[in-house]
């Protein structure tokens, strides 16, 4: 195309200068993005200075709780409830002080129990079986868990909430997804054994501090 323009006597220099400038700017922008991307990956997967739920300070500023972490940014909440979204590549070049580590991932699963008379004795049996089951897998589960009724409707349906903690970090998604599925299947089998009828259930994954 440039050769054809030259044949017709069109001056190329005025055209080439802005084109070259555009390519140079695009190249610079891409290289900067790539550098920031690599720095962010190194921060969240290798350096790992914080996890979800940790209390941290950045450059000795106010204490904030890590609420969400993505590839390029981290969302932190200060003690007044204000949310701050910070670029990971900037955090990587800052002074990070972790004041409190969570020690593991907390997960929550909820089940809507249909037409069931959930007695305190049944809850005790359920808690005992769950405690024994996670105790047999100490490398995966901590001994921290809770099984409570969080809602009871007028049509005799109750919502059962099961919380448990894993020896895992949020980056170890295959580990905690597999563990959550194992818990889910164990609970369904236990419900069946205890003659508890469950309806539509909602699994809610929550990652919290202690």
Protein backbone atom coordinates (compact mmCIF):
# COMPACT_ATOMS: atom_id res chain seq x y z
CA UNK A 1 0.00 0.00 0.00
CA UNK A 2 2.84 2.37 0.84
CA UNK A 3 4.53 1.49 -2.48
CA UNK A 4 1.38 2.41 -4.40
CA UNK A 5 1.16 5.71 -2.56
CA UNK A 6 4.79 6.42 -3.46
CA UNK A 7 4.12 5.63 -7.13
CA UNK A 8 1.41 8.28 -7.19
CA UNK A 9 3.83 10.78 -5.70
CA UNK A 10 2.24 10.99 -2.28
CA UNK A 11 4.65 12.08 0.43
CA UNK A 12 5.04 9.18 2.91
CA UNK A 13 6.95 10.85 5.74
CA UNK A 14 3.95 12.79 7.12
CA UNK A 15 2.01 9.50 7.17
CA UNK A 16 4.75 7.34 8.65
CA UNK A 17 5.48 9.59 11.60
CA UNK A 18 2.03 9.31 13.29
CA UNK A 19 1.82 5.59 12.41
CA UNK A 20 5.21 4.92 13.98
CA UNK A 21 4.25 6.98 17.02
CA UNK A 22 1.04 4.97 17.37
CA UNK A 23 2.87 1.65 17.21
CA UNK A 24 5.47 2.90 19.67
CA UNK A 25 2.80 4.00 22.13
CA UNK A 26 0.92 0.71 21.74
CA UNK A 27 4.12 -1.24 22.26
CA UNK A 28 4.96 0.73 25.39
CA UNK A 29 1.44 0.30 26.79
CA UNK A 30 1.47 -3.45 26.16
CA UNK A 31 4.91 -3.91 27.71
CA UNK A 32 3.77 -1.98 30.79
CA UNK A 33 0.60 -4.08 31.03
CA UNK A 34 2.62 -7.28 30.68
CA UNK A 35 5.01 -6.14 33.38
CA UNK A 36 2.14 -5.29 35.73
CA UNK A 37 0.45 -8.61 34.95
CA UNK A 38 3.57 -10.63 35.77
CA UNK A 39 4.14 -8.64 38.97
CA UNK A 40 0.53 -9.26 40.06
CA UNK A 41 0.81 -12.99 39.41
CA UNK A 42 4.01 -13.17 41.43
CA UNK A 43 2.35 -11.30 44.31
CA UNK A 44 -0.76 -13.45 44.67
CA UNK A 45 0.64 -16.87 43.78
CA UNK A 46 4.25 -16.81 45.01
CA UNK A 47 4.83 -13.99 47.50
CA UNK A 48 1.32 -14.42 48.99
CA UNK A 49 1.63 -11.70 51.65
CA UNK A 50 -2.05 -11.97 52.59
CA UNK A 51 -5.16 -14.11 52.24
CA UNK A 52 -8.86 -13.28 52.27
CA UNK A 53 -9.88 -12.13 55.73
CA UNK A 54 -6.37 -11.07 56.80
CA UNK A 55 -5.89 -7.73 58.55
CA UNK A 56 -3.12 -5.76 56.83
CA UNK A 57 -1.58 -2.34 56.52
CA UNK A 58 -0.10 -0.93 53.30
CA UNK A 59 2.82 1.46 53.80
CA UNK A 60 1.94 1.75 57.52
CA UNK A 61 -1.45 3.23 56.64
CA UNK A 62 -4.76 2.36 58.33
CA UNK A 63 -5.60 -1.28 59.07
CA UNK A 64 -7.76 -2.91 56.41
CA UNK A 65 -9.31 -6.33 55.90
CA UNK A 66 -8.66 -8.20 52.64
CA UNK A 67 -12.11 -8.66 51.09
CA UNK A 68 -11.38 -9.82 47.55
CA UNK A 69 -8.35 -10.61 45.40
CA UNK A 70 -8.31 -10.79 41.59
CA UNK A 71 -5.45 -11.18 39.13
CA UNK A 72 -4.87 -7.44 38.81
CA UNK A 73 -6.39 -5.87 41.93
CA UNK A 74 -7.07 -6.39 45.63
CA UNK A 75 -10.17 -5.07 47.38
CA UNK A 76 -9.68 -4.09 51.02
CA UNK A 77 -12.16 -2.74 53.56
CA UNK A 78 -11.07 -0.30 56.25
CA UNK A 79 -12.42 -0.26 59.79
CA UNK A 80 -15.03 2.34 58.79
CA UNK A 81 -16.44 0.02 56.13
CA UNK A 82 -15.03 1.90 53.14
CA UNK A 83 -13.82 -0.24 50.24
CA UNK A 84 -10.47 0.38 48.58
CA UNK A 85 -9.49 -1.24 45.27
CA UNK A 86 -5.70 -1.26 44.84
CA UNK A 87 -3.61 -2.43 41.90
CA UNK A 88 -1.60 -5.54 42.81
CA UNK A 89 1.54 -4.34 41.03
CA UNK A 90 1.52 -1.22 43.23
CA UNK A 91 0.94 -3.28 46.37
CA UNK A 92 3.89 -5.46 45.39
CA UNK A 93 6.14 -2.40 45.58
CA UNK A 94 4.71 -1.27 48.93
CA UNK A 95 5.42 -2.16 52.52
CA UNK A 96 2.89 -4.84 53.52
CA UNK A 97 2.35 -5.70 57.16
CA UNK A 98 0.09 -8.66 57.89
CA UNK A 99 -1.38 -8.13 61.36
CA UNK A 100 -3.56 -11.24 61.46
CA UNK A 101 -3.59 -14.32 59.27
CA UNK A 102 -6.77 -16.35 58.93
CA UNK A 103 -5.19 -19.77 59.28
CA UNK A 104 -7.39 -21.44 56.67
CA UNK A 105 -10.52 -21.28 54.55
CA UNK A 106 -13.96 -21.24 56.12
CA UNK A 107 -16.79 -22.63 53.99
CA UNK A 108 -20.52 -22.66 54.56
CA UNK A 109 -23.14 -24.99 53.12
CA UNK A 110 -26.86 -24.53 53.67
CA UNK A 111 -29.62 -27.09 53.24
CA UNK A 112 -33.36 -26.55 53.21
CA UNK A 113 -34.78 -29.47 55.15
CA UNK A 114 -38.27 -30.31 53.92
CA UNK A 115 -41.03 -31.56 56.24
CA UNK A 116 -38.71 -32.58 59.01
CA UNK A 117 -38.93 -32.48 62.77
CA UNK A 118 -35.36 -31.43 63.54
CA UNK A 119 -34.90 -32.24 67.21
CA UNK A 120 -31.96 -31.32 69.42
CA UNK A 121 -31.10 -35.03 69.66
CA UNK A 122 -30.85 -35.25 65.88
CA UNK A 123 -28.54 -32.24 65.80
CA UNK A 124 -26.30 -33.83 68.42
CA UNK A 125 -26.03 -37.03 66.38
CA UNK A 126 -25.32 -35.05 63.21
CA UNK A 127 -22.61 -32.98 64.90
CA UNK A 128 -21.01 -36.10 66.39
CA UNK A 129 -20.85 -37.91 63.05
CA UNK A 130 -19.47 -34.86 61.29
CA UNK A 131 -16.84 -34.35 64.01
CA UNK A 132 -15.70 -37.97 63.68
CA UNK A 133 -15.61 -37.71 59.89
CA UNK A 134 -13.41 -34.61 59.74
CA UNK A 135 -11.22 -35.93 62.59
CA UNK A 136 -10.34 -38.86 60.33
CA UNK A 137 -8.90 -36.38 57.78
CA UNK A 138 -6.64 -34.11 59.86
CA UNK A 139 -4.45 -33.14 56.90
CA UNK A 140 -7.43 -31.54 55.16
CA UNK A 141 -9.79 -30.32 57.88
CA UNK A 142 -9.18 -28.43 61.09
CA UNK A 143 -11.36 -29.38 64.04
CA UNK A 144 -13.31 -26.14 63.82
CA UNK A 145 -16.87 -26.48 62.57
CA UNK A 146 -20.44 -25.52 63.38
CA UNK A 147 -23.84 -27.04 62.59
CA UNK A 148 -26.83 -24.85 63.46
CA UNK A 149 -30.38 -24.09 62.43
CA UNK A 150 -30.51 -20.60 60.98
CA UNK A 151 -34.10 -20.36 59.80
CA UNK A 152 -37.49 -22.01 60.39
CA UNK A 153 -40.45 -21.22 58.13
CA UNK A 154 -44.17 -21.53 58.80
CA UNK A 155 -44.43 -24.57 56.51
CA UNK A 156 -42.22 -26.65 58.82
CA UNK A 157 -39.07 -26.26 56.75
CA UNK A 158 -35.80 -25.42 58.43
CA UNK A 159 -32.50 -24.25 57.01
CA UNK A 160 -29.49 -26.13 58.29
CA UNK A 161 -26.13 -24.36 58.11
CA UNK A 162 -22.85 -26.27 58.20
CA UNK A 163 -19.57 -24.37 58.56
CA UNK A 164 -16.11 -25.94 58.49
CA UNK A 165 -12.49 -24.88 58.11
CA UNK A 166 -9.90 -26.32 55.74
CA UNK A 167 -6.13 -26.42 55.83
CA UNK A 168 -6.00 -24.54 52.51
CA UNK A 169 -5.60 -21.12 50.98
CA UNK A 170 -7.96 -19.45 48.57
CA UNK A 171 -5.47 -20.05 45.72
CA UNK A 172 -5.75 -23.82 46.28
CA UNK A 173 -9.12 -23.98 44.53
CA UNK A 174 -8.93 -27.68 43.46
CA UNK A 175 -8.33 -28.62 47.11
CA UNK A 176 -11.20 -26.71 48.69
CA UNK A 177 -13.66 -27.46 45.89
CA UNK A 178 -12.93 -31.18 46.20
CA UNK A 179 -13.25 -31.00 50.00
CA UNK A 180 -16.53 -29.09 49.75
CA UNK A 181 -17.97 -31.71 47.41
CA UNK A 182 -16.86 -34.46 49.80
CA UNK A 183 -18.61 -32.69 52.70
CA UNK A 184 -21.73 -32.24 50.62
CA UNK A 185 -21.92 -35.95 49.71
CA UNK A 186 -21.19 -37.03 53.28
CA UNK A 187 -23.98 -34.83 54.63
CA UNK A 188 -26.50 -36.12 52.09
CA UNK A 189 -25.63 -39.70 53.02
CA UNK A 190 -25.95 -38.85 56.71
CA UNK A 191 -29.31 -37.15 56.15
CA UNK A 192 -30.54 -40.30 54.43
CA UNK A 193 -29.29 -42.48 57.27
CA UNK A 194 -31.00 -40.27 59.86
CA UNK A 195 -34.20 -40.19 57.79
CA UNK A 196 -33.94 -36.45 57.23
CA UNK A 197 -35.56 -35.19 54.05
CA UNK A 198 -33.89 -32.30 52.34
CA UNK A 199 -35.28 -30.16 49.57
CA UNK A 200 -33.66 -27.57 47.34
CA UNK A 201 -30.30 -26.68 48.83
CA UNK A 202 -28.02 -23.73 48.36
CA UNK A 203 -24.28 -24.10 48.72
CA UNK A 204 -22.63 -20.85 49.75
CA UNK A 205 -18.84 -20.67 49.75
CA UNK A 206 -17.51 -18.19 52.25
CA UNK A 207 -13.92 -17.49 53.05
CA UNK A 208 -13.59 -15.76 56.38
CA UNK A 209 -11.19 -15.15 59.19
CA UNK A 210 -11.52 -16.82 62.55
